[in-house]
Structures are given as C-alpha cells and as structure tokens.
Amino acid sequence: MKIGILGATGEVGRQFQICLNERVSGIEELRLFASPRSEGQVMEFQGKQCVVQTVKEGCFDGLDYVLGSVSNGLSKQYRPMIEKSGAVYIDNSSAFRLDPDVPLVVPEINGEDALKHKGVIANPNCSTIITYMAVAAIHQKLSPIKKVIASTYQAVSGAGAGGPIELHDQVLAIEKGEAVEPKVFSAQIAYNCIPLIGSINDNLYSTEEMKLQNEGRKIMHAPELLATCTCVRVPVYRSHSISAVIITEEPVSIEAAEEAIASFPGTVLLKDKLPMPLDSSDQDLVYVGRIRRDLTDPNGLVVWCCGDQIRKGAAANAVQILEYLEAHK
C-alpha cells in the first residue's frame, strides 16, 4: 500500500502518521506533502526517513490513498491531480462535505457510503463526528432522531497548533501580571470561554454551528433532521465535549439508550464516572454519559459526550475510512 499525506507537518497531518502506524499494516511507501517552508524536512515513519515535498505535477502517481488536511482552497486545487493519479482522496477539509457526489463518512455509522465513492471521500467536522457517534445507536436501533439541540465545548487545539500555545502563553502572562493580546482567538481564552467559532451566517448561526445539522443529515441518512447548536471555545487543551438534547420519533427509555450506546462500536458508556476531556484524549473512542430525560419533551433524552477531536474527530476517522475500504475490497 502506498499512501500520501497532504499537510503532513500540521497537527492533523502528524496525527495521520501516528494513526497509520497504529492501525494500518503493509504500508510500502509514505509520501509527505506540505508547504514550501517545510520542504526538505525529514520525518520518521516506521523506521524510514520521509522527506517532506511540495505538491507538483505527477507527485501523486502510484499512490493508493491520499489523506488530506489542508485548506478548502488547496483541497479543491489538488483534487483533480489526485483523481488523475487514480488514488482515493480522503479529505479532512469541509470543501466537499455537502457535495452530493462525495460520501461523508463516519465508518461506525455509515461506512457503507464509502464504497460508493467516485475518487473522493469527505471526513466530517470534528464535533459532528463526536456528537453523532454518541447518539447513532439510538437513531439506528431504537427510534429515529428528529431534533438535536446541542452546545459544544471545544478545545483550543481545534484551532490548530497555535491554539494550545496561545492558551499556555496567556496563562503564564496573567500569572506574571502581564497583559495578553489574543492572536489565534478573537478574545482572551485563558480563564475564559468564547461563545463563537467560525463566521456568522445570515441566520446568526456560525458556519461551525450549521455543520451539526447539514453534515448530520447526510451521515445519519436523515434529510429532515433538525439541529440547533452553540459552539463555544473553552480553555481545554485537547478533546471536545458536547451536551446534546435529542428528540426521537418515539419515546426511548434511559435503560434502552444506555444498552444501545454501550454496544455501539467506538463508544464507551460511562455510568460510574463522568466523561471528561482529560480521560478521552489521545485515543479513538467517544465517551458517553449523564444520560437523562429531557424535562421539556417526553420524547427527549439528554446526553453528554467527549472525544479527541484530533484523533476520532479528524485523523483516526480518516484512517478508519481507509481501513474500511481495504476490508471491503
């Protein structure tokens, strides 16, 4: 198997390499691509030295898969080159997520959609993946979900490598009595919460908030699904948390929901402890707990979940898509 990684020196690009090393055997060649400022950098993978290169005509030739973590613009620019090479492009950007000809895949939920690809498969938004991993079992096994009302509590690493650095530097500065000047975030993030991620749409919801509905409909095969969301950046280094109220077509008991979630691949039901970011970091499972009745709707349940947004919310999910394709050849 020959694999390429776009954005190889970034946060998700490096995590791609870790997840490939952990999960995929038989990798004959790994090609790493990044911006010109990283060209020539040497990275080690499975005991081999890999030299980072820039994208050039023909650079994808001979590859079986390309895992991408670059901007929407670059993803659109590189797509024709990857398709021409014959490689399958698994893209972590949002460029093609809502394209009807591009599968949007969380393997545990709708893995079969990946088999219908036409050369490109999209990786969903990180909070979208974590949220629907937590409730897909209810939707598929017990009663279809009609509505989702969610608030996300998103770690600073979701903003890229600069996020944790800014949080760390601000904490140190404040302890010294120094002023802080936000650069990565729109306001001070240390000891604070910022209730906006993404840019504001005409409906006053942000681009990040609309992903829960728009992407959820496609992943869950539920075109009428309604979702409302508030995305909040919190001073946590890693792992996103989500509080979600789900309204199902028929009432679902707490016991039935817990049983379904506990048996769903990729989720862990916690009953004797609370799902928290510190515990859910650096692994690929979604932790779910605090399941209780919604007090405003007899068909509602409240769920709390946490997941590592760099792994299951990005790199690991993409690698799982690759694994799914290989297993179903």
C-alpha atoms as a PDB file:
ATOM      1  CA  MET A   1       0.000   0.000   0.000  1.00  0.00           C
ATOM      2  CA  LYS A   2       1.261   3.458  -0.941  1.00  0.00           C
ATOM      3  CA  ILE A   3      -0.155   6.462   0.902  1.00  0.00           C
ATOM      4  CA  GLY A   4       0.296  10.216   0.656  1.00  0.00           C
ATOM      5  CA  ILE A   5      -0.439  12.845   3.300  1.00  0.00           C
ATOM      6  CA  LEU A   6      -1.287  16.447   2.437  1.00  0.00           C
ATOM      7  CA  GLY A   7      -0.484  18.897   5.206  1.00  0.00           C
ATOM      8  CA  ALA A   8       1.903  16.379   6.732  1.00  0.00           C
ATOM      9  CA  THR A   9       3.634  18.790   9.117  1.00  0.00           C
ATOM     10  CA  GLY A  10       0.434  20.196  10.638  1.00  0.00           C
ATOM     11  CA  GLU A  11      -1.385  18.985  13.738  1.00  0.00           C
ATOM     12  CA  VAL A  12      -3.731  16.595  11.899  1.00  0.00           C
ATOM     13  CA  GLY A  13      -1.062  15.609   9.372  1.00  0.00           C
ATOM     14  CA  ARG A  14       1.218  14.414  12.155  1.00  0.00           C
ATOM     15  CA  GLN A  15      -1.699  12.591  13.757  1.00  0.00           C
ATOM     16  CA  PHE A  16      -2.380  10.859  10.410  1.00  0.00           C
ATOM     17  CA  GLN A  17       1.098   9.357  10.662  1.00  0.00           C
ATOM     18  CA  ILE A  18       0.572   8.208  14.251  1.00  0.00           C
ATOM     19  CA  CYS A  19      -2.788   6.598  13.423  1.00  0.00           C
ATOM     20  CA  LEU A  20      -1.449   4.918  10.292  1.00  0.00           C
ATOM     21  CA  ASN A  21       1.421   3.482  12.303  1.00  0.00           C
ATOM     22  CA  GLU A  22      -1.007   2.186  14.942  1.00  0.00           C
ATOM     23  CA  ARG A  23      -3.765   0.862  12.698  1.00  0.00           C
ATOM     24  CA  VAL A  24      -2.510   0.016   9.198  1.00  0.00           C
ATOM     25  CA  SER A  25      -0.010  -2.675   8.255  1.00  0.00           C
ATOM     26  CA  GLY A  26       1.635  -3.263   4.894  1.00  0.00           C
ATOM     27  CA  ILE A  27       2.470   0.359   4.077  1.00  0.00           C
ATOM     28  CA  GLU A  28       5.170   0.149   1.430  1.00  0.00           C
ATOM     29  CA  GLU A  29       5.595   3.869   0.894  1.00  0.00           C
ATOM     30  CA  LEU A  30       4.517   7.061   2.634  1.00  0.00           C
ATOM     31  CA  ARG A  31       4.838  10.383   0.796  1.00  0.00           C
ATOM     32  CA  LEU A  32       4.587  13.557   2.818  1.00  0.00           C
ATOM     33  CA  PHE A  33       3.450  16.854   1.294  1.00  0.00           C
ATOM     34  CA  ALA A  34       3.442  20.305   2.880  1.00  0.00           C
ATOM     35  CA  SER A  35       4.002  23.964   2.081  1.00  0.00           C
ATOM     36  CA  PRO A  36       7.315  25.232   0.645  1.00  0.00           C
ATOM     37  CA  ARG A  37       8.506  26.357   4.091  1.00  0.00           C
ATOM     38  CA  SER A  38       8.507  22.688   5.207  1.00  0.00           C
ATOM     39  CA  GLU A  39      10.076  21.284   2.033  1.00  0.00           C
ATOM     40  CA  GLY A  40      13.084  19.111   2.791  1.00  0.00           C
ATOM     41  CA  GLN A  41      12.086  18.479   6.408  1.00  0.00           C
ATOM     42  CA  VAL A  42      12.732  14.858   7.393  1.00  0.00           C
ATOM     43  CA  MET A  43      10.138  12.904   9.346  1.00  0.00           C
ATOM     44  CA  GLU A  44      10.475   9.294  10.500  1.00  0.00           C
ATOM     45  CA  PHE A  45       7.769   6.716   9.828  1.00  0.00           C
ATOM     46  CA  GLN A  46       8.106   3.040  10.751  1.00  0.00           C
ATOM     47  CA  GLY A  47      11.871   3.313  10.847  1.00  0.00           C
ATOM     48  CA  LYS A  48      12.161   5.044   7.472  1.00  0.00           C
ATOM     49  CA  GLN A  49      13.171   8.617   6.723  1.00  0.00           C
ATOM     50  CA  CYS A  50      10.498  10.503   4.798  1.00  0.00           C
ATOM     51  CA  VAL A  51      11.446  13.804   3.173  1.00  0.00           C
ATOM     52  CA  VAL A  52       8.657  16.374   3.005  1.00  0.00           C
ATOM     53  CA  GLN A  53       7.958  17.604  -0.506  1.00  0.00           C
ATOM     54  CA  THR A  54       5.710  20.170  -2.131  1.00  0.00           C
ATOM     55  CA  VAL A  55       2.870  19.295  -4.473  1.00  0.00           C
ATOM     56  CA  LYS A  56       3.962  19.099  -8.096  1.00  0.00           C
ATOM     57  CA  GLU A  57       2.500  17.615 -11.243  1.00  0.00           C
ATOM     58  CA  GLY A  58       2.671  13.830 -11.045  1.00  0.00           C
ATOM     59  CA  CYS A  59       3.597  13.732  -7.350  1.00  0.00           C
ATOM     60  CA  PHE A  60       0.563  11.561  -6.504  1.00  0.00           C
ATOM     61  CA  ASP A  61       1.201   8.988  -9.243  1.00  0.00           C
ATOM     62  CA  GLY A  62       1.314   5.418  -7.959  1.00  0.00           C
ATOM     63  CA  LEU A  63      -0.392   6.169  -4.657  1.00  0.00           C
ATOM     64  CA  ASP A  64      -3.398   4.160  -3.462  1.00  0.00           C
ATOM     65  CA  TYR A  65      -4.695   6.760  -0.991  1.00  0.00           C
ATOM     66  CA  VAL A  66      -4.131  10.411  -0.183  1.00  0.00           C
ATOM     67  CA  LEU A  67      -5.119  11.694   3.267  1.00  0.00           C
ATOM     68  CA  GLY A  68      -5.626  15.442   3.227  1.00  0.00           C
ATOM     69  CA  SER A  69      -5.561  18.114   5.906  1.00  0.00           C
ATOM     70  CA  VAL A  70      -5.232  21.383   4.021  1.00  0.00           C
ATOM     71  CA  SER A  71      -7.440  24.420   3.467  1.00  0.00           C
ATOM     72  CA  ASN A  72     -10.605  24.227   1.384  1.00  0.00           C
ATOM     73  CA  GLY A  73      -8.929  26.177  -1.389  1.00  0.00           C
ATOM     74  CA  LEU A  74      -5.914  23.890  -1.594  1.00  0.00           C
ATOM     75  CA  SER A  75      -8.116  20.804  -1.353  1.00  0.00           C
ATOM     76  CA  LYS A  76     -10.104  21.962  -4.381  1.00  0.00           C
ATOM     77  CA  GLN A  77      -6.871  22.786  -6.197  1.00  0.00           C
ATOM     78  CA  TYR A  78      -5.270  19.391  -5.554  1.00  0.00           C
ATOM     79  CA  ARG A  79      -8.356  17.233  -6.121  1.00  0.00           C
ATOM     80  CA  PRO A  80      -8.017  16.981  -9.942  1.00  0.00           C
ATOM     81  CA  MET A  81      -4.361  15.969  -9.593  1.00  0.00           C
ATOM     82  CA  ILE A  82      -5.227  13.234  -7.087  1.00  0.00           C
ATOM     83  CA  GLU A  83      -8.130  11.968  -9.210  1.00  0.00           C
ATOM     84  CA  LYS A  84      -5.861  11.883 -12.271  1.00  0.00           C
ATOM     85  CA  SER A  85      -3.379   9.730 -10.364  1.00  0.00           C
ATOM     86  CA  GLY A  86      -6.083   7.171  -9.534  1.00  0.00           C
ATOM     87  CA  ALA A  87      -5.612   7.479  -5.770  1.00  0.00           C
ATOM     88  CA  VAL A  88      -8.599   7.707  -3.425  1.00  0.00           C
ATOM     89  CA  TYR A  89      -8.673  11.096  -1.726  1.00  0.00           C
ATOM     90  CA  ILE A  90      -9.872  11.112   1.916  1.00  0.00           C
ATOM     91  CA  ASP A  91     -10.255  14.797   2.696  1.00  0.00           C
ATOM     92  CA  ASN A  92     -10.439  16.384   6.141  1.00  0.00           C
ATOM     93  CA  SER A  93     -11.401  19.847   4.871  1.00  0.00           C
ATOM     94  CA  SER A  94     -15.012  20.971   4.500  1.00  0.00           C
ATOM     95  CA  ALA A  95     -14.619  21.584   0.762  1.00  0.00           C
ATOM     96  CA  PHE A  96     -16.663  18.582  -0.426  1.00  0.00           C
ATOM     97  CA  ARG A  97     -18.670  17.516   2.635  1.00  0.00           C
ATOM     98  CA  LEU A  98     -22.013  18.620   1.244  1.00  0.00           C
ATOM     99  CA  ASP A  99     -21.298  17.626  -2.368  1.00  0.00           C
ATOM    100  CA  PRO A 100     -23.988  15.028  -3.218  1.00  0.00           C
ATOM    101  CA  ASP A 101     -21.422  13.024  -5.218  1.00  0.00           C
ATOM    102  CA  VAL A 102     -18.953  12.791  -2.318  1.00  0.00           C
ATOM    103  CA  PRO A 103     -19.663  10.395   0.590  1.00  0.00           C
ATOM    104  CA  LEU A 104     -19.398  11.937   4.062  1.00  0.00           C
ATOM    105  CA  VAL A 105     -18.392   9.070   6.303  1.00  0.00           C
ATOM    106  CA  VAL A 106     -18.101   8.016   9.924  1.00  0.00           C
ATOM    107  CA  PRO A 107     -17.289   4.305   9.482  1.00  0.00           C
ATOM    108  CA  GLU A 108     -19.207   3.050  12.524  1.00  0.00           C
ATOM    109  CA  ILE A 109     -22.332   4.932  11.438  1.00  0.00           C
ATOM    110  CA  ASN A 110     -22.424   4.872   7.612  1.00  0.00           C
ATOM    111  CA  GLY A 111     -19.309   3.041   6.498  1.00  0.00           C
ATOM    112  CA  GLU A 112     -21.131   1.531   3.524  1.00  0.00           C
ATOM    113  CA  ASP A 113     -21.376   5.016   1.988  1.00  0.00           C
ATOM    114  CA  ALA A 114     -17.603   4.994   1.497  1.00  0.00           C
ATOM    115  CA  LEU A 115     -17.943   2.154  -1.003  1.00  0.00           C
ATOM    116  CA  LYS A 116     -19.946   4.444  -3.310  1.00  0.00           C
ATOM    117  CA  HIS A 117     -17.133   6.937  -3.734  1.00  0.00           C
ATOM    118  CA  LYS A 118     -16.056   8.355  -7.081  1.00  0.00           C
ATOM    119  CA  GLY A 119     -12.496   9.047  -6.016  1.00  0.00           C
ATOM    120  CA  VAL A 120     -13.152  11.396  -3.083  1.00  0.00           C
ATOM    121  CA  ILE A 121     -14.468  10.749   0.443  1.00  0.00           C
ATOM    122  CA  ALA A 122     -15.041  13.557   2.933  1.00  0.00           C
ATOM    123  CA  ASN A 123     -14.217  13.430   6.627  1.00  0.00           C
ATOM    124  CA  PRO A 124     -16.876  15.234   8.722  1.00  0.00           C
ATOM    125  CA  ASN A 125     -16.397  18.073  11.179  1.00  0.00           C
ATOM    126  CA  CYS A 126     -14.878  17.002  14.494  1.00  0.00           C
ATOM    127  CA  SER A 127     -17.800  17.967  16.748  1.00  0.00           C
ATOM    128  CA  THR A 128     -20.237  16.442  14.264  1.00  0.00           C
ATOM    129  CA  ILE A 129     -18.391  13.118  14.420  1.00  0.00           C
ATOM    130  CA  ILE A 130     -18.252  13.058  18.216  1.00  0.00           C
ATOM    131  CA  THR A 131     -21.909  14.076  18.663  1.00  0.00           C
ATOM    132  CA  TYR A 132     -23.392  11.563  16.254  1.00  0.00           C
ATOM    133  CA  MET A 133     -21.100   8.765  17.421  1.00  0.00           C
ATOM    134  CA  ALA A 134     -22.710   9.275  20.831  1.00  0.00           C
ATOM    135  CA  VAL A 135     -26.325   9.035  19.615  1.00  0.00           C
ATOM    136  CA  ALA A 136     -26.216   6.990  16.384  1.00  0.00           C
ATOM    137  CA  ALA A 137     -27.092   3.809  18.255  1.00  0.00           C
ATOM    138  CA  ILE A 138     -30.362   5.360  19.438  1.00  0.00           C
ATOM    139  CA  HIS A 139     -31.170   6.571  15.927  1.00  0.00           C
ATOM    140  CA  GLN A 140     -30.392   3.257  14.242  1.00  0.00           C
ATOM    141  CA  LYS A 141     -31.561   0.728  16.835  1.00  0.00           C
ATOM    142  CA  LEU A 142     -34.367   2.352  18.814  1.00  0.00           C
ATOM    143  CA  SER A 143     -36.117   5.353  17.243  1.00  0.00           C
ATOM    144  CA  PRO A 144     -35.107   7.868  14.562  1.00  0.00           C
ATOM    145  CA  ILE A 145     -33.850  11.205  15.874  1.00  0.00           C
ATOM    146  CA  LYS A 146     -35.911  14.185  14.705  1.00  0.00           C
ATOM    147  CA  LYS A 147     -34.141  17.024  16.502  1.00  0.00           C
ATOM    148  CA  VAL A 148     -30.794  17.751  18.144  1.00  0.00           C
ATOM    149  CA  ILE A 149     -30.215  20.736  20.434  1.00  0.00           C
ATOM    150  CA  ALA A 150     -26.534  20.939  21.304  1.00  0.00           C
ATOM    151  CA  SER A 151     -23.814  23.037  22.870  1.00  0.00           C
ATOM    152  CA  THR A 152     -20.204  22.184  22.109  1.00  0.00           C
ATOM    153  CA  TYR A 153     -17.250  22.895  24.390  1.00  0.00           C
ATOM    154  CA  GLN A 154     -14.315  22.832  22.013  1.00  0.00           C
ATOM    155  CA  ALA A 155     -10.662  22.539  22.989  1.00  0.00           C
ATOM    156  CA  VAL A 156      -8.113  25.110  21.835  1.00  0.00           C
ATOM    157  CA  SER A 157      -6.204  22.540  19.755  1.00  0.00           C
ATOM    158  CA  GLY A 158      -9.221  22.504  17.451  1.00  0.00           C
ATOM    159  CA  ALA A 159      -7.956  25.860  16.179  1.00  0.00           C
ATOM    160  CA  GLY A 160      -4.617  24.355  15.125  1.00  0.00           C
ATOM    161  CA  ALA A 161      -1.182  24.137  16.672  1.00  0.00           C
ATOM    162  CA  GLY A 162      -1.266  27.801  17.683  1.00  0.00           C
ATOM    163  CA  GLY A 163      -4.276  27.335  19.972  1.00  0.00           C
ATOM    164  CA  PRO A 164      -2.570  25.457  22.824  1.00  0.00           C
ATOM    165  CA  ILE A 165       0.456  27.747  22.571  1.00  0.00           C
ATOM    166  CA  GLU A 166      -1.739  30.832  22.965  1.00  0.00           C
ATOM    167  CA  LEU A 167      -3.577  29.348  25.968  1.00  0.00           C
ATOM    168  CA  HIS A 168      -0.284  28.365  27.633  1.00  0.00           C
ATOM    169  CA  ASP A 169       1.346  31.746  26.986  1.00  0.00           C
ATOM    170  CA  GLN A 170      -1.702  33.659  28.235  1.00  0.00           C
ATOM    171  CA  VAL A 171      -1.834  31.680  31.478  1.00  0.00           C
ATOM    172  CA  LEU A 172       1.845  32.434  32.117  1.00  0.00           C
ATOM    173  CA  ALA A 173       1.399  36.093  31.245  1.00  0.00           C
ATOM    174  CA  ILE A 174      -1.599  36.509  33.557  1.00  0.00           C
ATOM    175  CA  GLU A 175       0.248  34.815  36.417  1.00  0.00           C
ATOM    176  CA  LYS A 176       3.008  37.417  35.958  1.00  0.00           C
ATOM    177  CA  GLY A 177       0.508  40.250  35.861  1.00  0.00           C
ATOM    178  CA  GLU A 178       1.190  40.970  32.209  1.00  0.00           C
ATOM    179  CA  ALA A 179      -1.363  41.986  29.592  1.00  0.00           C
ATOM    180  CA  VAL A 180      -2.394  39.417  26.985  1.00  0.00           C
ATOM    181  CA  GLU A 181      -3.005  40.099  23.311  1.00  0.00           C
ATOM    182  CA  PRO A 182      -5.148  37.488  21.503  1.00  0.00           C
ATOM    183  CA  LYS A 183      -3.847  36.397  18.113  1.00  0.00           C
ATOM    184  CA  VAL A 184      -5.285  32.955  17.376  1.00  0.00           C
ATOM    185  CA  PHE A 185      -8.619  33.637  19.089  1.00  0.00           C
ATOM    186  CA  SER A 186     -10.912  36.652  18.977  1.00  0.00           C
ATOM    187  CA  ALA A 187     -10.585  37.245  22.725  1.00  0.00           C
ATOM    188  CA  GLN A 188      -8.550  36.099  25.705  1.00  0.00           C
ATOM    189  CA  ILE A 189      -9.004  32.324  26.021  1.00  0.00           C
ATOM    190  CA  ALA A 190      -7.187  31.781  29.329  1.00  0.00           C
ATOM    191  CA  TYR A 191      -9.742  31.578  32.171  1.00  0.00           C
ATOM    192  CA  ASN A 192     -12.456  32.420  29.651  1.00  0.00           C
ATOM    193  CA  CYS A 193     -14.995  30.950  27.204  1.00  0.00           C
ATOM    194  CA  ILE A 194     -15.633  32.360  23.732  1.00  0.00           C
ATOM    195  CA  PRO A 195     -19.194  31.581  22.515  1.00  0.00           C
ATOM    196  CA  LEU A 196     -18.432  31.770  18.813  1.00  0.00           C
ATOM    197  CA  ILE A 197     -16.459  29.507  16.479  1.00  0.00           C
ATOM    198  CA  GLY A 198     -16.492  30.221  12.758  1.00  0.00           C
ATOM    199  CA  SER A 199     -18.039  33.140  10.905  1.00  0.00           C
ATOM    200  CA  ILE A 200     -21.634  34.317  11.329  1.00  0.00           C
ATOM    201  CA  ASN A 201     -24.214  33.405   8.670  1.00  0.00           C
ATOM    202  CA  ASP A 202     -27.304  35.437   7.759  1.00  0.00           C
ATOM    203  CA  ASN A 203     -29.355  33.362  10.237  1.00  0.00           C
ATOM    204  CA  LEU A 204     -26.960  34.449  13.051  1.00  0.00           C
ATOM    205  CA  TYR A 205     -25.618  30.915  13.459  1.00  0.00           C
ATOM    206  CA  SER A 206     -21.950  30.370  12.689  1.00  0.00           C
ATOM    207  CA  THR A 207     -20.524  28.194   9.941  1.00  0.00           C
ATOM    208  CA  GLU A 208     -19.285  25.788  12.627  1.00  0.00           C
ATOM    209  CA  GLU A 209     -22.729  25.581  14.248  1.00  0.00           C
ATOM    210  CA  MET A 210     -24.539  24.787  10.996  1.00  0.00           C
ATOM    211  CA  LYS A 211     -22.323  21.766  10.370  1.00  0.00           C
ATOM    212  CA  LEU A 212     -24.157  19.774  13.047  1.00  0.00           C
ATOM    213  CA  GLN A 213     -27.366  19.906  11.025  1.00  0.00           C
ATOM    214  CA  ASN A 214     -26.038  19.961   7.469  1.00  0.00           C
ATOM    215  CA  GLU A 215     -23.481  17.194   7.917  1.00  0.00           C
ATOM    216  CA  GLY A 216     -25.637  15.245  10.372  1.00  0.00           C
ATOM    217  CA  ARG A 217     -28.418  14.853   7.821  1.00  0.00           C
ATOM    218  CA  LYS A 218     -26.005  13.253   5.367  1.00  0.00           C
ATOM    219  CA  ILE A 219     -24.205  10.990   7.832  1.00  0.00           C
ATOM    220  CA  MET A 220     -27.380   9.780   9.543  1.00  0.00           C
ATOM    221  CA  HIS A 221     -29.374   9.385   6.300  1.00  0.00           C
ATOM    222  CA  ALA A 222     -31.942  11.736   7.836  1.00  0.00           C
ATOM    223  CA  PRO A 223     -32.676  14.564   5.376  1.00  0.00           C
ATOM    224  CA  GLU A 224     -35.354  16.079   7.635  1.00  0.00           C
ATOM    225  CA  LEU A 225     -33.173  16.141  10.764  1.00  0.00           C
ATOM    226  CA  LEU A 226     -33.268  19.485  12.597  1.00  0.00           C
ATOM    227  CA  ALA A 227     -30.350  20.635  14.713  1.00  0.00           C
ATOM    228  CA  THR A 228     -29.582  23.832  16.576  1.00  0.00           C
ATOM    229  CA  CYS A 229     -26.161  24.372  18.078  1.00  0.00           C
ATOM    230  CA  THR A 230     -23.998  26.819  20.017  1.00  0.00           C
ATOM    231  CA  CYS A 231     -20.241  26.290  19.650  1.00  0.00           C
ATOM    232  CA  VAL A 232     -18.023  27.510  22.483  1.00  0.00           C
ATOM    233  CA  ARG A 233     -14.230  27.624  22.651  1.00  0.00           C
ATOM    234  CA  VAL A 234     -13.076  26.657  26.147  1.00  0.00           C
ATOM    235  CA  PRO A 235      -9.633  26.734  27.833  1.00  0.00           C
ATOM    236  CA  VAL A 236      -9.047  22.990  27.491  1.00  0.00           C
ATOM    237  CA  TYR A 237      -6.047  21.751  25.548  1.00  0.00           C
ATOM    238  CA  ARG A 238      -7.491  18.651  23.899  1.00  0.00           C
ATOM    239  CA  SER A 239     -10.795  16.814  23.367  1.00  0.00           C
ATOM    240  CA  HIS A 240     -14.161  18.357  22.600  1.00  0.00           C
ATOM    241  CA  SER A 241     -17.223  17.921  24.822  1.00  0.00           C
ATOM    242  CA  ILE A 242     -20.850  18.162  23.718  1.00  0.00           C
ATOM    243  CA  SER A 243     -24.124  18.458  25.602  1.00  0.00           C
ATOM    244  CA  ALA A 244     -26.946  17.270  23.345  1.00  0.00           C
ATOM    245  CA  VAL A 245     -30.692  17.002  23.716  1.00  0.00           C
ATOM    246  CA  ILE A 246     -32.117  14.528  21.199  1.00  0.00           C
ATOM    247  CA  ILE A 247     -35.797  14.269  20.342  1.00  0.00           C
ATOM    248  CA  THR A 248     -36.820  10.909  18.884  1.00  0.00           C
ATOM    249  CA  GLU A 249     -39.961   9.887  16.996  1.00  0.00           C
ATOM    250  CA  GLU A 250     -40.976   7.502  19.793  1.00  0.00           C
ATOM    251  CA  PRO A 251     -40.051   7.667  23.484  1.00  0.00           C
ATOM    252  CA  VAL A 252     -36.816   5.881  24.357  1.00  0.00           C
ATOM    253  CA  SER A 253     -36.087   4.771  27.908  1.00  0.00           C
ATOM    254  CA  ILE A 254     -32.817   5.654  29.583  1.00  0.00           C
ATOM    255  CA  GLU A 255     -32.100   1.946  30.046  1.00  0.00           C
ATOM    256  CA  ALA A 256     -32.633   1.157  26.358  1.00  0.00           C
ATOM    257  CA  ALA A 257     -30.488   4.120  25.316  1.00  0.00           C
ATOM    258  CA  GLU A 258     -27.673   3.061  27.624  1.00  0.00           C
ATOM    259  CA  GLU A 259     -27.770  -0.512  26.346  1.00  0.00           C
ATOM    260  CA  ALA A 260     -27.685   0.616  22.714  1.00  0.00           C
ATOM    261  CA  ILE A 261     -24.824   3.064  23.273  1.00  0.00           C
ATOM    262  CA  ALA A 262     -22.805   0.535  25.267  1.00  0.00           C
ATOM    263  CA  SER A 263     -22.994  -1.968  22.387  1.00  0.00           C
ATOM    264  CA  PHE A 264     -22.216   0.524  19.613  1.00  0.00           C
ATOM    265  CA  PRO A 265     -18.698   0.229  18.124  1.00  0.00           C
ATOM    266  CA  GLY A 266     -16.446   3.121  19.011  1.00  0.00           C
ATOM    267  CA  THR A 267     -18.420   4.393  22.009  1.00  0.00           C
ATOM    268  CA  VAL A 268     -17.927   3.791  25.715  1.00  0.00           C
ATOM    269  CA  LEU A 269     -20.821   4.221  28.131  1.00  0.00           C
ATOM    270  CA  LEU A 270     -19.699   5.603  31.482  1.00  0.00           C
ATOM    271  CA  LYS A 271     -22.165   5.167  34.325  1.00  0.00           C
ATOM    272  CA  ASP A 272     -19.957   5.268  37.408  1.00  0.00           C
ATOM    273  CA  LYS A 273     -17.795   8.216  36.333  1.00  0.00           C
ATOM    274  CA  LEU A 274     -18.180  11.331  34.214  1.00  0.00           C
ATOM    275  CA  PRO A 275     -16.919  11.588  30.632  1.00  0.00           C
ATOM    276  CA  MET A 276     -14.294  14.335  30.661  1.00  0.00           C
ATOM    277  CA  PRO A 277     -11.767  15.691  28.160  1.00  0.00           C
ATOM    278  CA  LEU A 278      -8.719  14.601  30.150  1.00  0.00           C
ATOM    279  CA  ASP A 279      -9.868  10.980  30.036  1.00  0.00           C
ATOM    280  CA  SER A 280     -10.986  10.938  26.406  1.00  0.00           C
ATOM    281  CA  SER A 281      -7.790  12.439  24.959  1.00  0.00           C
ATOM    282  CA  ASP A 282      -5.140  10.572  22.959  1.00  0.00           C
ATOM    283  CA  GLN A 283      -7.398   7.665  21.949  1.00  0.00           C
ATOM    284  CA  ASP A 284     -10.157   6.992  19.413  1.00  0.00           C
ATOM    285  CA  LEU A 285     -13.237   6.200  21.494  1.00  0.00           C
ATOM    286  CA  VAL A 286     -16.135   8.540  22.261  1.00  0.00           C
ATOM    287  CA  TYR A 287     -17.116   8.586  25.933  1.00  0.00           C
ATOM    288  CA  VAL A 288     -20.828   8.994  26.696  1.00  0.00           C
ATOM    289  CA  GLY A 289     -22.614   9.546  29.991  1.00  0.00           C
ATOM    290  CA  ARG A 290     -25.080  11.584  32.076  1.00  0.00           C
ATOM    291  CA  ILE A 291     -27.997  10.211  30.050  1.00  0.00           C
ATOM    292  CA  ARG A 292     -31.245  11.526  31.463  1.00  0.00           C
ATOM    293  CA  ARG A 293     -34.762  12.505  30.462  1.00  0.00           C
ATOM    294  CA  ASP A 294     -35.313  15.868  28.860  1.00  0.00           C
ATOM    295  CA  LEU A 295     -37.746  17.785  31.059  1.00  0.00           C
ATOM    296  CA  THR A 296     -39.343  19.700  28.166  1.00  0.00           C
ATOM    297  CA  ASP A 297     -40.288  16.874  25.793  1.00  0.00           C
ATOM    298  CA  PRO A 298     -41.483  13.316  26.601  1.00  0.00           C
ATOM    299  CA  ASN A 299     -39.541  12.032  23.586  1.00  0.00           C
ATOM    300  CA  GLY A 300     -36.316  13.740  24.640  1.00  0.00           C
ATOM    301  CA  LEU A 301     -33.079  12.498  26.160  1.00  0.00           C
ATOM    302  CA  VAL A 302     -30.049  14.487  27.297  1.00  0.00           C
ATOM    303  CA  VAL A 303     -26.580  13.116  26.535  1.00  0.00           C
ATOM    304  CA  TRP A 304     -23.085  14.307  27.428  1.00  0.00           C
ATOM    305  CA  CYS A 305     -20.104  13.092  25.398  1.00  0.00           C
ATOM    306  CA  CYS A 306     -16.380  13.708  24.947  1.00  0.00           C
ATOM    307  CA  GLY A 307     -13.944  12.732  22.226  1.00  0.00           C
ATOM    308  CA  ASP A 308     -10.475  13.541  20.975  1.00  0.00           C
ATOM    309  CA  GLN A 309     -11.109  15.919  18.092  1.00  0.00           C
ATOM    310  CA  ILE A 310      -7.665  15.443  16.532  1.00  0.00           C
ATOM    311  CA  ARG A 311      -7.950  11.653  16.542  1.00  0.00           C
ATOM    312  CA  LYS A 312     -11.566  10.431  16.206  1.00  0.00           C
ATOM    313  CA  GLY A 313     -12.678  13.898  15.155  1.00  0.00           C
ATOM    314  CA  ALA A 314     -10.152  14.043  12.329  1.00  0.00           C
ATOM    315  CA  ALA A 315      -7.130  11.803  11.669  1.00  0.00           C
ATOM    316  CA  ALA A 316      -8.290   8.486  13.133  1.00  0.00           C
ATOM    317  CA  ASN A 317     -11.673   8.707  11.405  1.00  0.00           C
ATOM    318  CA  ALA A 318      -9.940   9.238   8.051  1.00  0.00           C
ATOM    319  CA  VAL A 319      -7.640   6.275   8.659  1.00  0.00           C
ATOM    320  CA  GLN A 320     -10.674   4.184   9.641  1.00  0.00           C
ATOM    321  CA  ILE A 321     -12.243   5.068   6.281  1.00  0.00           C
ATOM    322  CA  LEU A 322      -9.102   3.768   4.583  1.00  0.00           C
ATOM    323  CA  GLU A 323      -9.305   0.598   6.677  1.00  0.00           C
ATOM    324  CA  TYR A 324     -12.973   0.164   5.751  1.00  0.00           C
ATOM    325  CA  LEU A 325     -12.194   0.423   2.044  1.00  0.00           C
ATOM    326  CA  GLU A 326      -9.364  -2.079   2.334  1.00  0.00           C
ATOM    327  CA  ALA A 327     -11.555  -4.531   4.279  1.00  0.00           C
ATOM    328  CA  HIS A 328     -14.290  -4.383   1.643  1.00  0.00           C
ATOM    329  CA  LYS A 329     -12.189  -4.764  -1.493  1.00  0.00           C
END
